[in-house]
Amino acid sequence: MPYAFTTHDIDQAIYHVANALQIPVLILALLALAAVIYEFGAYLIELGREEEAIEWLERAKTAPRYEPRHYPYLNLAWIYARQHKVREAIDQLQSVIAIEPEHRGARKELHRLIGMLN
């Protein structure tokens, strides 16, 4: 895997990380690697590969010991909003607010998306 990173072969690096992360989430928690799941999803977003990121962000939502807990929900809301899946984005933002009630950005975006439904 280091070879893929040093040669800037992003697809090869993603392939190796994805295969390494096929370990069940419970084992990842024991290894304190739950954050890797989220980071991998966030990295896929940066690459413009939102559909692939969804799976990893969904995993991060249930990964034990992951903090800050609201990040996967926030990124999923962003993906769904970009895909014009307004109701799914709203659901994710409501989860963000349940976890972080004072998150102003989530509240503002939730208000904007609800307005789109009217």
Foldseek 3Di string as FASTA:
>chain_A
DVVCVVVVVVVVVLVVLVVVPPPDLVVCVVVVNLVVLLVSLVVCVVVVNNVVSLVSLVSSLPRPPDPPNLVSLQVQLVSCVVVVVLVSSLVSLVVSCVSVVPPPVSVVVNVVSVVVVD
